[in-house]
Amino acid sequence: MIRALLLSLALAAPAAAVQADPPRIVEVKVRDSGMGWEISVTLEHPDTGWDHFAAGWEVLNEAGERLAYRKLHHPHVNEQPFTRSLHSVMVPDGTRKVYIVAHCSTGGKSEPVKVKLTR
């Protein structure tokens, strides 16, 4: 019985460790570019390689609908924190704020960060 419990704890520990560190949004900058918004997001994540890395971030409206997604195509093991941008992000007229959520390759995600849009 104890052996089975120890084995199950040992098997569960790596999965729990991976899920314990979602990407962290360090900074978000927005700029009205005339034809949409330029959004730059700085992320920090303990990338270990292709098995666990920050995989992207999304721009959501207040209803939680995706307005844009920035896919990150590779791990950034030796580049932390790092910044990536999206250009010409279109948001509906009258939108005053959006939310940024970052995702990792194992399914973890950051807390939403509210960003005010001012012209």
Protein backbone atom coordinates (compact mmCIF):
# COMPACT_ATOMS: atom_id res chain seq x y z
CA MET A 1 0.00 0.00 0.00
CA ILE A 2 2.72 2.47 0.95
CA ARG A 3 4.76 1.47 -2.10
CA ALA A 4 1.79 2.23 -4.38
CA LEU A 5 1.25 5.60 -2.69
CA LEU A 6 4.92 6.55 -3.09
CA LEU A 7 4.88 5.49 -6.73
CA SER A 8 1.76 7.55 -7.45
CA LEU A 9 3.30 10.59 -5.74
CA ALA A 10 6.52 10.18 -7.71
CA LEU A 11 4.62 9.97 -10.99
CA ALA A 12 2.43 12.97 -10.17
CA ALA A 13 5.27 15.24 -9.02
CA PRO A 14 6.75 16.07 -12.46
CA ALA A 15 3.33 16.95 -13.90
CA ALA A 16 2.56 19.16 -10.91
CA ALA A 17 5.92 20.88 -11.25
CA VAL A 18 5.32 21.65 -14.92
CA GLN A 19 1.87 23.10 -14.20
CA ALA A 20 3.21 25.13 -11.26
CA ASP A 21 4.98 27.72 -13.43
CA PRO A 22 2.70 29.34 -16.00
CA PRO A 23 4.04 32.25 -18.05
CA ARG A 24 4.20 35.56 -16.21
CA ILE A 25 3.34 38.78 -18.01
CA VAL A 26 6.01 41.28 -17.00
CA GLU A 27 4.87 44.25 -19.10
CA VAL A 28 2.37 45.20 -21.80
CA LYS A 29 2.73 48.24 -24.05
CA VAL A 30 0.02 49.39 -26.45
CA ARG A 31 0.19 52.03 -29.13
CA ASP A 32 -2.51 53.29 -31.44
CA SER A 33 -1.06 52.71 -34.90
CA GLY A 34 -3.86 54.38 -36.85
CA MET A 35 -4.99 51.13 -38.45
CA GLY A 36 -5.36 49.12 -35.27
CA TRP A 37 -3.14 48.71 -32.24
CA GLU A 38 0.44 47.62 -31.77
CA ILE A 39 0.65 45.43 -28.67
CA SER A 40 3.99 44.37 -27.18
CA VAL A 41 4.07 41.81 -24.38
CA THR A 42 7.07 40.94 -22.23
CA LEU A 43 6.92 37.42 -20.79
CA GLU A 44 8.92 35.47 -18.28
CA HIS A 45 8.71 31.68 -18.13
CA PRO A 46 11.08 28.92 -17.00
CA ASP A 47 11.39 27.42 -20.51
CA THR A 48 13.19 24.08 -20.40
CA GLY A 49 13.16 23.36 -24.13
CA TRP A 50 10.61 21.93 -26.55
CA ASP A 51 8.90 19.95 -23.76
CA HIS A 52 7.88 23.08 -21.81
CA PHE A 53 7.98 26.67 -23.09
CA ALA A 54 5.91 29.84 -23.37
CA ALA A 55 3.85 29.09 -26.48
CA GLY A 56 1.95 32.33 -27.09
CA TRP A 57 -0.29 35.08 -25.81
CA GLU A 58 -3.75 36.28 -26.74
CA VAL A 59 -5.72 39.51 -26.70
CA LEU A 60 -9.26 39.13 -25.33
CA ASN A 61 -12.19 41.51 -25.14
CA GLU A 62 -14.24 41.95 -21.96
CA ALA A 63 -16.49 39.02 -22.94
CA GLY A 64 -13.43 36.74 -23.17
CA GLU A 65 -13.54 36.52 -26.98
CA ARG A 66 -10.19 36.29 -28.74
CA LEU A 67 -9.29 39.35 -30.81
CA ALA A 68 -5.73 38.29 -31.68
CA TYR A 69 -3.12 35.62 -30.93
CA ARG A 70 0.67 35.80 -31.00
CA LYS A 71 2.17 32.34 -31.43
CA LEU A 72 5.68 31.83 -30.10
CA HIS A 73 7.40 29.37 -32.41
CA HIS A 74 10.25 28.14 -30.22
CA PRO A 75 11.53 28.00 -26.62
CA HIS A 76 13.36 31.00 -25.17
CA VAL A 77 15.55 29.11 -22.69
CA ASN A 78 18.40 31.64 -22.70
CA GLU A 79 16.32 34.76 -23.39
CA GLN A 80 14.33 35.67 -20.28
CA PRO A 81 12.34 37.82 -20.04
CA PHE A 82 11.56 38.42 -23.72
CA THR A 83 9.23 40.73 -25.67
CA ARG A 84 7.18 39.98 -28.78
CA SER A 85 4.66 42.17 -30.60
CA LEU A 86 1.56 42.06 -32.73
CA HIS A 87 0.83 44.82 -35.23
CA SER A 88 -2.49 46.11 -36.57
CA VAL A 89 -4.61 44.40 -33.91
CA MET A 90 -8.18 45.39 -34.72
CA VAL A 91 -10.56 45.97 -31.82
CA PRO A 92 -14.23 46.95 -32.07
CA ASP A 93 -15.03 50.66 -31.94
CA GLY A 94 -15.65 51.86 -28.41
CA THR A 95 -13.42 49.21 -26.79
CA ARG A 96 -11.65 50.83 -23.87
CA LYS A 97 -9.77 47.83 -22.46
CA VAL A 98 -8.50 44.41 -23.46
CA TYR A 99 -6.99 41.52 -21.54
CA ILE A 100 -3.75 39.69 -22.27
CA VAL A 101 -3.36 36.01 -21.33
CA ALA A 102 -0.13 34.06 -21.92
CA HIS A 103 -0.03 30.30 -22.51
CA CYS A 104 2.63 27.62 -22.16
CA SER A 105 3.05 24.45 -24.17
CA THR A 106 1.83 22.21 -21.34
CA GLY A 107 -1.51 23.97 -20.93
CA GLY A 108 -0.66 26.44 -18.20
CA LYS A 109 -1.77 30.03 -18.57
CA SER A 110 -1.22 33.35 -16.84
CA GLU A 111 -3.76 35.41 -15.03
CA PRO A 112 -5.41 37.92 -17.38
CA VAL A 113 -3.77 41.35 -17.40
CA LYS A 114 -6.12 44.28 -18.07
CA VAL A 115 -4.81 46.89 -20.49
CA LYS A 116 -6.48 50.26 -21.08
CA LEU A 117 -6.69 51.51 -24.65
CA THR A 118 -6.44 55.29 -24.92
CA ARG A 119 -6.21 57.36 -28.07
